[in-house]
């Protein structure tokens, strides 16, 4: 595709809006999706909207960065530094990014049992998934694994949070729950557990045994991903929960 052509000069089958209508949004490239948000082009060499979208991605991908990762957390000022992106275009892009995040983390209230790591991650997405600081949260469950409530126990820095087993189990008992799932986020988006995560999980499992309140899992969330420590470690075999 020639990115200097105006959208109106393209064959109708090559125009982003028409392609989206005919084949769905997944069929479009990232540059074409940006073109729909931009509406018009310009920038260096009077690019088309698609060309400007490609130019934006190239700028964001400088220094071997992932342009989509940069776009996820970009601010207004940084976007407007790109030739061809003014206030209106930057606002449209940022609004679409924020709307996408809200759609991703939205969830209706549920009383369905939390029967998988994905169900637990979905329940906690609004509290943990996209936060810029580490947060530690607990899901409190009844005997049938239905949510009694959720609570963020602590908020830390960009790299660590402090959560004490005492504070976690106090909230579980206060809510009258009989079992729990704990979770925290990694703002970096990397969801592999740190040595500190494993030590805390061991302490929580030991406390859960003493209190006869089974700890069903410890989840790590970040940037649309999640990890279940129950699935990737042997800690639940070492400290059985009787669940």
Protein backbone atom coordinates (compact mmCIF):
# COMPACT_ATOMS: atom_id res chain seq x y z
CA UNK A 1 0.00 0.00 0.00
CA UNK A 2 1.28 3.51 -0.83
CA UNK A 3 1.07 5.51 2.39
CA UNK A 4 1.17 8.90 0.65
CA UNK A 5 -2.14 8.27 -1.09
CA UNK A 6 -5.24 9.85 0.38
CA UNK A 7 -7.72 7.34 1.81
CA UNK A 8 -10.27 8.59 -0.73
CA UNK A 9 -7.87 7.68 -3.56
CA UNK A 10 -7.54 4.07 -2.43
CA UNK A 11 -9.58 1.26 -3.89
CA UNK A 12 -12.64 0.87 -1.62
CA UNK A 13 -11.52 -2.63 -0.68
CA UNK A 14 -8.28 -1.16 0.72
CA UNK A 15 -9.84 1.59 2.85
CA UNK A 16 -9.59 0.88 6.61
CA UNK A 17 -13.22 1.63 7.49
CA UNK A 18 -14.54 -0.46 4.63
CA UNK A 19 -12.17 -3.32 5.47
CA UNK A 20 -13.24 -3.18 9.11
CA UNK A 21 -16.90 -3.36 8.11
CA UNK A 22 -16.31 -6.22 5.70
CA UNK A 23 -13.82 -8.31 7.66
CA UNK A 24 -13.85 -7.08 11.27
CA UNK A 25 -11.25 -5.13 13.27
CA UNK A 26 -8.90 -8.10 13.69
CA UNK A 27 -8.19 -8.03 9.96
CA UNK A 28 -6.68 -4.53 10.16
CA UNK A 29 -3.05 -3.72 10.85
CA UNK A 30 -2.17 -1.53 13.82
CA UNK A 31 -1.46 1.34 11.40
CA UNK A 32 -4.92 0.96 9.87
CA UNK A 33 -6.59 0.96 13.29
CA UNK A 34 -4.71 4.14 14.14
CA UNK A 35 -5.79 5.62 10.80
CA UNK A 36 -9.44 5.20 11.73
CA UNK A 37 -8.80 7.07 14.99
CA UNK A 38 -6.75 9.78 13.27
CA UNK A 39 -9.35 10.43 10.59
CA UNK A 40 -6.90 12.37 8.40
CA UNK A 41 -3.21 12.24 7.62
CA UNK A 42 -0.32 14.68 7.04
CA UNK A 43 2.97 14.69 8.91
CA UNK A 44 6.25 14.32 6.98
CA UNK A 45 5.62 14.17 3.24
CA UNK A 46 1.86 14.74 3.62
CA UNK A 47 1.13 11.15 4.55
CA UNK A 48 -2.28 9.55 4.36
CA UNK A 49 -4.00 8.58 7.60
CA UNK A 50 -2.62 5.05 7.21
CA UNK A 51 0.82 6.45 6.46
CA UNK A 52 0.65 8.66 9.52
CA UNK A 53 -0.37 5.66 11.61
CA UNK A 54 2.67 3.79 10.30
CA UNK A 55 4.86 6.82 11.03
CA UNK A 56 3.59 6.96 14.63
CA UNK A 57 4.36 3.27 15.17
CA UNK A 58 7.85 3.70 13.72
CA UNK A 59 8.56 6.60 16.06
CA UNK A 60 7.26 4.72 19.08
CA UNK A 61 9.31 1.67 18.10
CA UNK A 62 12.61 3.57 18.03
CA UNK A 63 15.52 2.07 19.99
CA UNK A 64 14.03 -1.43 19.59
CA UNK A 65 11.04 -0.63 21.77
CA UNK A 66 7.72 -2.43 21.33
CA UNK A 67 5.49 0.32 19.86
CA UNK A 68 2.31 -1.21 21.28
CA UNK A 69 3.81 -1.38 24.78
CA UNK A 70 4.86 2.27 24.50
CA UNK A 71 1.43 3.26 23.18
CA UNK A 72 -0.30 1.56 26.11
CA UNK A 73 1.21 3.97 28.65
CA UNK A 74 1.97 7.02 26.51
CA UNK A 75 0.98 10.54 27.53
CA UNK A 76 -0.43 13.48 25.60
CA UNK A 77 2.83 15.43 25.46
CA UNK A 78 4.86 12.51 24.08
CA UNK A 79 2.28 11.79 21.39
CA UNK A 80 2.20 15.42 20.30
CA UNK A 81 5.97 15.40 19.83
CA UNK A 82 5.41 13.21 16.76
CA UNK A 83 5.19 15.22 13.54
CA UNK A 84 1.60 15.22 12.33
CA UNK A 85 -0.03 14.51 15.70
CA UNK A 86 -1.79 17.52 17.18
CA UNK A 87 -4.01 17.84 20.19
CA UNK A 88 -7.14 16.43 18.52
CA UNK A 89 -5.39 13.36 17.10
CA UNK A 90 -3.55 12.69 20.36
CA UNK A 91 -6.78 12.99 22.33
CA UNK A 92 -8.54 10.49 20.05
CA UNK A 93 -5.74 7.95 20.46
CA UNK A 94 -5.57 8.33 24.25
CA UNK A 95 -9.35 8.12 24.59
CA UNK A 96 -9.40 4.87 22.58
CA UNK A 97 -6.59 3.39 24.69
CA UNK A 98 -8.36 4.26 27.94
CA UNK A 99 -11.68 2.91 26.65
CA UNK A 100 -9.97 -0.35 25.69
CA UNK A 101 -8.50 -0.67 29.18
CA UNK A 102 -11.89 -0.05 30.78
CA UNK A 103 -13.59 -2.60 28.56
CA UNK A 104 -10.87 -5.13 29.38
CA UNK A 105 -11.19 -4.76 33.14
CA UNK A 106 -14.96 -4.29 33.32
CA UNK A 107 -16.89 -7.09 34.91
CA UNK A 108 -20.44 -7.51 36.18
CA UNK A 109 -20.87 -8.43 39.83
CA UNK A 110 -20.68 -12.19 40.07
CA UNK A 111 -21.73 -14.80 42.54
CA UNK A 112 -20.46 -17.59 40.33
CA UNK A 113 -17.82 -19.81 41.91
CA UNK A 114 -14.22 -18.80 41.29
CA UNK A 115 -13.15 -22.13 39.83
CA UNK A 116 -10.06 -21.21 37.82
CA UNK A 117 -7.11 -18.79 37.86
CA UNK A 118 -8.70 -16.91 34.95
CA UNK A 119 -11.90 -16.36 36.93
CA UNK A 120 -9.87 -14.97 39.83
CA UNK A 121 -7.81 -12.74 37.54
CA UNK A 122 -10.96 -11.43 35.85
CA UNK A 123 -12.48 -10.58 39.21
CA UNK A 124 -9.41 -8.58 40.28
CA UNK A 125 -8.55 -6.93 36.96
CA UNK A 126 -10.04 -3.56 37.87
CA UNK A 127 -7.99 -3.41 41.06
CA UNK A 128 -4.69 -4.80 39.81
CA UNK A 129 -4.21 -5.31 36.09
CA UNK A 130 -3.09 -1.87 34.86
CA UNK A 131 -1.93 -0.17 38.05
CA UNK A 132 1.41 1.68 38.04
CA UNK A 133 2.10 0.70 41.67
CA UNK A 134 2.19 -2.76 43.17
CA UNK A 135 -1.01 -3.66 44.98
CA UNK A 136 -1.85 -6.69 47.08
CA UNK A 137 -5.45 -7.88 47.19
CA UNK A 138 -7.50 -10.73 48.55
CA UNK A 139 -10.64 -12.42 47.25
CA UNK A 140 -12.75 -13.80 50.07
CA UNK A 141 -14.88 -16.85 49.27
CA UNK A 142 -17.62 -18.89 50.86
CA UNK A 143 -17.57 -22.66 51.20
CA UNK A 144 -18.72 -23.02 47.57
CA UNK A 145 -15.93 -20.72 46.31
CA UNK A 146 -18.37 -17.89 45.61
CA UNK A 147 -17.02 -14.36 46.21
CA UNK A 148 -17.93 -12.79 49.54
CA UNK A 149 -15.86 -9.70 48.76
CA UNK A 150 -12.55 -8.35 47.51
CA UNK A 151 -10.18 -5.90 49.16
CA UNK A 152 -6.89 -4.22 48.31
CA UNK A 153 -4.79 -4.84 51.42
CA UNK A 154 -1.80 -2.66 50.58
CA UNK A 155 -0.40 -0.32 47.92
CA UNK A 156 3.35 -0.12 47.42
CA UNK A 157 5.77 1.38 44.92
CA UNK A 158 6.42 0.65 41.26
CA UNK A 159 8.54 -2.35 42.25
CA UNK A 160 7.28 -3.69 45.57
CA UNK A 161 4.39 -3.85 47.99
CA UNK A 162 4.25 -4.90 51.61
CA UNK A 163 1.54 -7.29 52.76
CA UNK A 164 1.57 -9.11 56.07
CA UNK A 165 -0.27 -12.43 56.49
CA UNK A 166 -1.87 -11.03 59.65
CA UNK A 167 -3.59 -8.22 57.72
CA UNK A 168 -4.76 -10.58 54.99
CA UNK A 169 -6.32 -13.18 57.25
CA UNK A 170 -7.82 -10.53 59.53
CA UNK A 171 -9.88 -9.28 56.58
CA UNK A 172 -10.89 -12.80 55.55
CA UNK A 173 -12.12 -13.56 59.07
CA UNK A 174 -13.85 -10.17 59.38
CA UNK A 175 -15.84 -10.89 56.21
CA UNK A 176 -16.88 -14.32 57.46
CA UNK A 177 -15.20 -16.04 54.52
CA UNK A 178 -14.09 -19.66 54.70
CA UNK A 179 -11.37 -19.62 52.02
CA UNK A 180 -9.37 -17.10 50.03
CA UNK A 181 -7.34 -16.25 46.95
CA UNK A 182 -4.59 -13.64 47.16
CA UNK A 183 -3.15 -11.67 44.27
CA UNK A 184 -0.82 -8.83 43.46
CA UNK A 185 0.30 -7.04 40.33
CA UNK A 186 3.65 -6.45 38.68
CA UNK A 187 3.54 -3.01 37.01
CA UNK A 188 6.28 -4.14 34.61
CA UNK A 189 3.87 -6.66 33.09
CA UNK A 190 6.22 -9.55 33.87
CA UNK A 191 4.16 -12.06 35.83
CA UNK A 192 6.85 -14.51 36.92
CA UNK A 193 7.11 -14.74 40.73
CA UNK A 194 10.04 -13.18 42.55
CA UNK A 195 11.82 -14.98 45.42
CA UNK A 196 9.95 -12.65 47.79
CA UNK A 197 6.64 -13.68 46.22
CA UNK A 198 7.45 -17.33 46.90
CA UNK A 199 8.46 -16.67 50.51
CA UNK A 200 5.24 -14.75 51.19
CA UNK A 201 3.17 -17.49 49.56
CA UNK A 202 4.82 -20.07 51.80
CA UNK A 203 4.02 -17.97 54.88
CA UNK A 204 0.42 -17.54 53.77
CA UNK A 205 -0.02 -21.26 53.16
CA UNK A 206 1.36 -22.03 56.62
CA UNK A 207 -0.99 -19.47 58.18
CA UNK A 208 -3.92 -20.85 56.22
CA UNK A 209 -3.20 -24.32 57.60
CA UNK A 210 -3.17 -23.04 61.19
CA UNK A 211 -6.41 -21.09 60.74
CA UNK A 212 -8.14 -23.81 58.70
CA UNK A 213 -8.90 -21.22 56.00
CA UNK A 214 -7.72 -22.76 52.72
CA UNK A 215 -5.68 -20.49 50.45
CA UNK A 216 -6.70 -21.56 46.97
CA UNK A 217 -4.15 -19.62 44.91
CA UNK A 218 -1.77 -16.69 44.67
CA UNK A 219 -2.13 -14.85 41.36
CA UNK A 220 0.20 -12.33 39.75
CA UNK A 221 -1.38 -9.91 37.26
CA UNK A 222 0.01 -7.32 34.88
CA UNK A 223 -0.71 -5.74 31.49
CA UNK A 224 -3.37 -8.22 30.49
CA UNK A 225 -1.51 -11.31 31.69
CA UNK A 226 -1.73 -13.43 34.81
CA UNK A 227 0.11 -16.30 36.47
CA UNK A 228 -1.09 -18.86 39.01
CA UNK A 229 1.52 -19.83 41.59
CA UNK A 230 -0.53 -22.89 42.42
CA UNK A 231 -0.08 -24.10 38.85
CA UNK A 232 3.64 -23.40 38.52
CA UNK A 233 5.01 -24.24 41.99
CA UNK A 234 4.92 -27.23 44.32
CA UNK A 235 4.00 -25.12 47.36
CA UNK A 236 0.45 -26.45 47.56
CA UNK A 237 1.82 -29.99 47.66
CA UNK A 238 4.21 -29.01 50.44
CA UNK A 239 1.48 -27.22 52.42
CA UNK A 240 -1.82 -28.98 51.60
CA UNK A 241 -4.90 -26.85 52.10
CA UNK A 242 -7.56 -29.52 52.37
CA UNK A 243 -9.66 -27.87 49.69
